[in-house]
């Protein structure tokens, strides 16, 4: 049996800071994409669906790959 490694507080904090950076960058990306959708001619009703297209596609495709 493999034992779980003991992680110190600072190791756990460093992992969380990294994940925070990833989520922050995804938020910036989402906010920057909305004007692009507007420029491409998407109506305001379509923009939430377009924002969900990427995560839903990943949810469906990732288990297959």
Protein backbone atom coordinates (compact mmCIF):
# COMPACT_ATOMS: atom_id res chain seq x y z
CA UNK A 1 0.00 0.00 0.00
CA UNK A 2 1.20 3.45 -0.80
CA UNK A 3 1.03 6.00 1.94
CA UNK A 4 -0.18 9.51 1.33
CA UNK A 5 2.66 11.98 1.66
CA UNK A 6 2.46 14.34 4.61
CA UNK A 7 2.04 17.85 3.30
CA UNK A 8 2.93 20.89 5.30
CA UNK A 9 0.72 23.94 5.53
CA UNK A 10 2.97 25.82 3.09
CA UNK A 11 2.84 23.05 0.49
CA UNK A 12 -0.94 23.03 0.62
CA UNK A 13 -1.04 26.82 0.46
CA UNK A 14 1.28 26.83 -2.58
CA UNK A 15 -0.99 24.37 -4.40
CA UNK A 16 -4.03 26.53 -3.67
CA UNK A 17 -2.27 29.68 -4.87
CA UNK A 18 -1.50 27.91 -8.15
CA UNK A 19 -5.11 26.85 -8.61
CA UNK A 20 -6.24 30.39 -7.77
CA UNK A 21 -4.00 31.67 -10.58
CA UNK A 22 -5.57 29.24 -13.02
CA UNK A 23 -9.10 30.27 -12.05
CA UNK A 24 -8.16 33.94 -12.23
CA UNK A 25 -6.81 33.53 -15.74
CA UNK A 26 -9.96 31.67 -16.82
CA UNK A 27 -12.06 34.55 -15.46
CA UNK A 28 -10.02 37.08 -17.41
CA UNK A 29 -10.37 34.98 -20.54
CA UNK A 30 -14.15 34.76 -20.15
CA UNK A 31 -14.47 38.51 -19.69
CA UNK A 32 -12.32 39.18 -22.75
CA UNK A 33 -14.30 36.81 -24.99
CA UNK A 34 -17.68 38.55 -24.60
CA UNK A 35 -16.75 41.57 -26.77
CA UNK A 36 -15.39 39.17 -29.39
CA UNK A 37 -18.74 37.36 -29.49
CA UNK A 38 -20.45 40.74 -29.88
CA UNK A 39 -18.12 41.64 -32.74
CA UNK A 40 -18.85 38.33 -34.47
CA UNK A 41 -22.58 39.08 -34.36
CA UNK A 42 -23.85 37.01 -31.44
CA UNK A 43 -27.01 38.33 -29.83
CA UNK A 44 -27.03 38.99 -26.07
CA UNK A 45 -29.25 35.92 -25.63
CA UNK A 46 -26.66 33.65 -27.26
CA UNK A 47 -23.62 34.79 -25.26
CA UNK A 48 -24.33 32.68 -22.11
CA UNK A 49 -24.76 29.60 -24.29
CA UNK A 50 -21.48 30.35 -26.03
CA UNK A 51 -19.75 30.69 -22.65
CA UNK A 52 -21.05 27.25 -21.67
CA UNK A 53 -20.04 25.58 -24.94
CA UNK A 54 -16.39 25.05 -23.94
CA UNK A 55 -16.94 23.54 -20.48
CA UNK A 56 -19.80 21.32 -21.67
CA UNK A 57 -17.73 20.09 -24.60
CA UNK A 58 -14.85 19.32 -22.23
CA UNK A 59 -17.23 17.48 -19.91
CA UNK A 60 -18.40 15.26 -22.76
CA UNK A 61 -15.14 14.77 -24.67
CA UNK A 62 -12.69 14.34 -21.79
CA UNK A 63 -14.01 10.92 -20.64
CA UNK A 64 -13.82 9.66 -24.22
CA UNK A 65 -10.19 10.66 -24.68
